[in-house]
Structures are given as C-alpha cells and as structure tokens.
Amino acid sequence: MRDKTDKKEQIYRWMKGFRLNFFLLFFAASLATRAQHIAISNNLIFDVMGTFSAGIEIPTAKRASLDLYGSIRPWKRGERSVHKHWTLQAQYRFWPCQVMNGFFWGPYAHASQYNVANKGVPFKFFKNLKANRYEGWLVGGGIGIGYEYVLSKHWNLSAEIGAGYTYIDYKKNGCEVCGRLVEDAAYHYWGVSRLGLSVLYVF
C-alpha cells in the first residue's frame, strides 16, 4: 500500500514539474527572435464545451515548431452539475513541407486536474457520473497528426487528433454533493487524448 502511495506522490511531483516547465517554455517562446512567425490559437472544440483555451506556436527549425496550449474551466452550474478542470499541453511538431502549412505530426505531453459530476466523458471508469463525483489529476502523452490550412495572410485553420497513454489518478465519491469516499484509485488509459479544431492568427 505504501509503495502505491509513494508512486502516486512521485507522479504528482512530476506533474507539478511539468506545469513549471510548461510556463518556462511558454515564456521562452514568447521571447523568441522569430516573432514574425509566432501564431496564437484557439480551440473551437473547447469553446463549444464552455472552456477558455489559448495557445502559442513558434518555429524552432526550418521544418519544426513548438506548440504550447492551455485550457481552463473554473466554474460550475451547481453542486449537482460540475465540470471544472485545467489542462496544459505541449507538442513538438514536424512539418514535411513548410512550418504552419500542410501536414504535421509530433509527440505531445499533457497534465490536468479535474472535478466532474453529472457529466458524460470519454473515460470508461467515468461511466457512473450521474450518481458519483470524480476528482483527481492526470499526466500522459502520445503522438498527434494533423493538417493546417492557410486561409489568408494571417489566418490559419488547423485540425488534429492524437492518441497515447494517460495515467489518471481519481477519487470517486458516492454522490454529487457530499457522498462518502467510495474509491481512491488510478486508471491506465490508452486511446485518443488530443483533439483539436483550431483557428490561428499568424503574426
């Protein structure tokens, strides 16, 4: 039991380190000398979900770029309908032809904290959300592929999907509001973990 707790603590510390490194990368990207090629983005899928989201992408080589993305949903409708979370994602993209134009692929990493009840989400262990609340955090990564369309001099449209592994730590409570703790466990998820339809403004 202690080994399991120690492992969770190690992973949680890794997630905190990932969050710090994410902000350092974001700051470094903001100060990069290739400012004329920087793009800022918004994921339309998150907009539909009522989640604030924003990202920045900057070339790091002739056919490579770094994409940093964050989203947050801080509010809830009420104690019986909760969907709060924050998420950070980082991806290194490779472009066969030209940066920010055409097909791309690359590895990504992500971290998140969540508090969800009375919602449907694409994780198998969340199948009882109508009667339970799930709180926890997750870390993971995978490989994404996508395509970016140049709409005009400054506007692009990007579509992407990615899949990989995610370690999900969760606490399951017996009801949405104040139920007793039913389960404190972890879930190993393999599958789609990145999905985007984003509008970009290129400087």
Protein backbone atom coordinates (compact mmCIF):
# COMPACT_ATOMS: atom_id res chain seq x y z
CA MET A 1 0.00 0.00 0.00
CA ARG A 2 2.83 2.37 0.87
CA ASP A 3 4.57 1.62 -2.43
CA LYS A 4 1.38 2.58 -4.28
CA THR A 5 1.15 5.86 -2.34
CA ASP A 6 4.82 6.65 -2.98
CA LYS A 7 4.33 6.02 -6.69
CA LYS A 8 1.35 8.40 -6.79
CA GLU A 9 3.37 11.07 -4.99
CA GLN A 10 6.21 10.69 -7.48
CA ILE A 11 3.86 11.05 -10.44
CA TYR A 12 2.16 14.05 -8.84
CA ARG A 13 5.53 15.73 -8.31
CA TRP A 14 6.31 15.03 -11.97
CA MET A 15 3.05 16.72 -12.95
CA LYS A 16 3.96 19.80 -10.90
CA GLY A 17 7.34 19.87 -12.60
CA PHE A 18 5.66 19.57 -16.00
CA ARG A 19 3.47 22.57 -15.15
CA LEU A 20 6.52 24.65 -14.19
CA ASN A 21 8.44 23.62 -17.30
CA PHE A 22 5.37 24.41 -19.42
CA PHE A 23 5.31 28.00 -18.20
CA LEU A 24 9.07 28.32 -18.68
CA LEU A 25 8.72 27.08 -22.26
CA PHE A 26 5.82 29.45 -22.82
CA PHE A 27 7.90 32.36 -21.53
CA ALA A 28 10.89 31.36 -23.66
CA ALA A 29 8.70 31.04 -26.75
CA SER A 30 7.27 34.50 -26.12
CA LEU A 31 10.79 35.95 -26.15
CA ALA A 32 11.96 34.06 -29.21
CA THR A 33 13.56 36.04 -32.01
CA ARG A 34 11.31 34.55 -34.70
CA ALA A 35 8.48 36.79 -33.57
CA GLN A 36 7.22 37.39 -37.09
CA HIS A 37 6.25 33.70 -37.33
CA ILE A 38 4.52 33.28 -33.98
CA ALA A 39 0.91 32.10 -34.07
CA ILE A 40 -1.71 32.28 -31.34
CA SER A 41 -4.59 29.83 -31.42
CA ASN A 42 -7.99 28.99 -30.00
CA ASN A 43 -9.54 25.52 -29.99
CA LEU A 44 -13.14 25.72 -31.19
CA ILE A 45 -13.98 22.37 -29.59
CA PHE A 46 -13.15 23.78 -26.17
CA ASP A 47 -15.28 26.83 -26.95
CA VAL A 48 -18.30 24.58 -27.53
CA MET A 49 -17.62 22.93 -24.14
CA GLY A 50 -17.59 26.34 -22.41
CA THR A 51 -13.86 26.18 -21.71
CA PHE A 52 -11.37 29.02 -22.05
CA SER A 53 -8.40 28.00 -24.19
CA ALA A 54 -5.38 29.62 -25.78
CA GLY A 55 -2.11 28.51 -27.32
CA ILE A 56 1.08 29.76 -28.90
CA GLU A 57 3.14 28.14 -31.65
CA ILE A 58 6.61 29.17 -32.73
CA PRO A 59 9.05 27.68 -35.26
CA THR A 60 12.19 26.13 -33.77
CA ALA A 61 13.76 24.98 -37.04
CA LYS A 62 13.08 25.13 -40.78
CA ARG A 63 10.52 22.30 -40.55
CA ALA A 64 9.72 22.09 -36.85
CA SER A 65 7.73 24.07 -34.31
CA LEU A 66 6.78 24.07 -30.62
CA ASP A 67 3.09 24.25 -29.71
CA LEU A 68 2.09 25.18 -26.13
CA TYR A 69 -1.54 25.09 -25.12
CA GLY A 70 -3.64 25.64 -22.03
CA SER A 71 -7.33 25.48 -21.14
CA ILE A 72 -9.37 26.13 -18.02
CA ARG A 73 -12.99 25.86 -16.94
CA PRO A 74 -13.19 27.35 -13.42
CA TRP A 75 -16.92 27.48 -12.81
CA LYS A 76 -19.81 25.09 -12.20
CA ARG A 77 -23.58 25.29 -12.66
CA GLY A 78 -24.23 23.95 -9.17
CA GLU A 79 -23.17 21.25 -6.75
CA ARG A 80 -25.01 18.61 -8.79
CA SER A 81 -23.62 19.61 -12.17
CA VAL A 82 -19.86 20.12 -12.05
CA HIS A 83 -17.28 20.21 -14.80
CA LYS A 84 -14.19 22.06 -13.59
CA HIS A 85 -10.68 21.49 -14.90
CA TRP A 86 -7.43 22.96 -16.12
CA THR A 87 -5.21 21.36 -18.75
CA LEU A 88 -1.73 22.05 -20.13
CA GLN A 89 -0.36 20.51 -23.32
CA ALA A 90 2.96 20.75 -25.14
CA GLN A 91 3.75 19.31 -28.56
CA TYR A 92 6.82 19.31 -30.79
CA ARG A 93 5.68 19.33 -34.40
CA PHE A 94 7.44 18.19 -37.55
CA TRP A 95 6.36 19.63 -40.92
CA PRO A 96 7.37 17.71 -44.10
CA CYS A 97 6.94 20.77 -46.33
CA GLN A 98 6.62 24.10 -44.52
CA VAL A 99 6.04 25.21 -40.92
CA MET A 100 2.38 26.09 -40.24
CA ASN A 101 1.28 24.92 -43.65
CA GLY A 102 0.08 21.44 -44.53
CA PHE A 103 0.55 18.09 -42.80
CA PHE A 104 2.30 17.79 -39.42
CA TRP A 105 2.92 15.21 -36.72
CA GLY A 106 4.71 15.06 -33.40
CA PRO A 107 4.88 13.81 -29.80
CA TYR A 108 2.97 15.61 -27.08
CA ALA A 109 2.62 15.62 -23.29
CA HIS A 110 -0.24 16.80 -21.13
CA ALA A 111 -1.27 17.29 -17.50
CA SER A 112 -4.60 18.17 -15.93
CA GLN A 113 -6.65 18.42 -12.75
CA TYR A 114 -10.43 17.89 -12.77
CA ASN A 115 -13.62 17.82 -10.72
CA VAL A 116 -16.51 16.27 -12.63
CA ALA A 117 -20.06 15.17 -11.75
CA ASN A 118 -23.31 14.63 -13.66
CA LYS A 119 -21.45 14.71 -16.98
CA GLY A 120 -20.56 12.26 -19.70
CA VAL A 121 -16.85 11.98 -20.57
CA PRO A 122 -14.86 9.57 -22.76
CA PHE A 123 -13.24 7.53 -19.97
CA LYS A 124 -14.58 4.09 -19.13
CA PHE A 125 -14.23 4.48 -15.38
CA PHE A 126 -16.45 7.60 -15.54
CA LYS A 127 -19.48 5.61 -16.66
CA ASN A 128 -21.33 6.27 -13.35
CA LEU A 129 -21.05 10.08 -13.36
CA LYS A 130 -24.80 10.54 -12.94
CA ALA A 131 -24.53 9.14 -9.42
CA ASN A 132 -20.94 9.96 -8.47
CA ARG A 133 -18.33 12.70 -8.41
CA TYR A 134 -14.78 12.18 -9.68
CA GLU A 135 -11.87 14.38 -8.61
CA GLY A 136 -8.20 13.94 -9.43
CA TRP A 137 -5.35 14.63 -11.79
CA LEU A 138 -3.71 13.05 -14.83
CA VAL A 139 -0.49 13.05 -16.83
CA GLY A 140 0.36 11.43 -20.11
CA GLY A 141 1.46 11.78 -23.69
CA GLY A 142 1.22 10.41 -27.18
CA ILE A 143 1.60 11.10 -30.89
CA GLY A 144 -0.57 13.53 -32.81
CA ILE A 145 -1.16 14.12 -36.51
CA GLY A 146 -2.93 16.98 -38.20
CA TYR A 147 -3.25 19.37 -41.08
CA GLU A 148 -3.11 23.16 -41.13
CA TYR A 149 -4.86 25.17 -43.84
CA VAL A 150 -3.72 28.66 -44.80
CA LEU A 151 -6.86 30.78 -45.09
CA SER A 152 -5.22 34.16 -45.65
CA LYS A 153 -2.04 36.07 -44.87
CA HIS A 154 -2.65 35.99 -41.12
CA TRP A 155 -5.34 33.35 -40.56
CA ASN A 156 -4.98 29.55 -40.48
CA LEU A 157 -7.29 26.67 -39.61
CA SER A 158 -5.86 23.52 -38.00
CA ALA A 159 -7.36 20.07 -37.39
CA GLU A 160 -5.60 17.44 -35.27
CA ILE A 161 -6.08 14.14 -33.46
CA GLY A 162 -3.69 12.33 -31.13
CA ALA A 163 -3.58 9.12 -29.14
CA GLY A 164 -1.36 7.68 -26.43
CA TYR A 165 -1.14 6.74 -22.75
CA THR A 166 -2.55 8.67 -19.77
CA TYR A 167 -2.14 7.91 -16.07
CA ILE A 168 -5.33 9.06 -14.29
CA ASP A 169 -5.49 9.34 -10.51
CA TYR A 170 -9.04 9.74 -9.15
CA LYS A 171 -11.25 9.79 -6.08
CA LYS A 172 -14.80 8.57 -6.51
CA ASN A 173 -17.45 9.88 -4.12
CA GLY A 174 -20.82 8.24 -3.55
CA CYS A 175 -22.95 11.16 -4.73
CA GLU A 176 -22.53 14.50 -6.47
CA VAL A 177 -22.59 16.71 -3.36
CA CYS A 178 -21.32 15.15 -0.14
CA GLY A 179 -21.19 11.39 -0.51
CA ARG A 180 -18.62 9.22 1.24
CA LEU A 181 -15.40 8.25 -0.49
CA VAL A 182 -16.13 5.09 -2.45
CA GLU A 183 -12.82 4.57 -4.23
CA ASP A 184 -9.33 6.07 -4.36
CA ALA A 185 -7.51 4.51 -7.29
CA ALA A 186 -5.76 5.02 -10.61
CA TYR A 187 -6.67 4.19 -14.19
CA HIS A 188 -4.34 3.49 -17.11
CA TYR A 189 -5.93 4.88 -20.24
CA TRP A 190 -4.84 4.09 -23.80
CA GLY A 191 -6.58 5.90 -26.61
CA VAL A 192 -7.44 9.30 -28.06
CA SER A 193 -6.26 12.09 -25.75
CA ARG A 194 -5.82 15.08 -28.05
CA LEU A 195 -8.43 16.57 -30.35
CA GLY A 196 -8.39 19.99 -31.92
CA LEU A 197 -10.09 22.21 -34.46
CA SER A 198 -8.30 25.49 -34.01
CA VAL A 199 -8.28 28.96 -35.52
CA LEU A 200 -4.81 30.58 -35.60
CA TYR A 201 -3.64 34.12 -36.09
CA VAL A 202 -0.11 34.24 -37.54
CA PHE A 203 1.99 37.32 -36.88
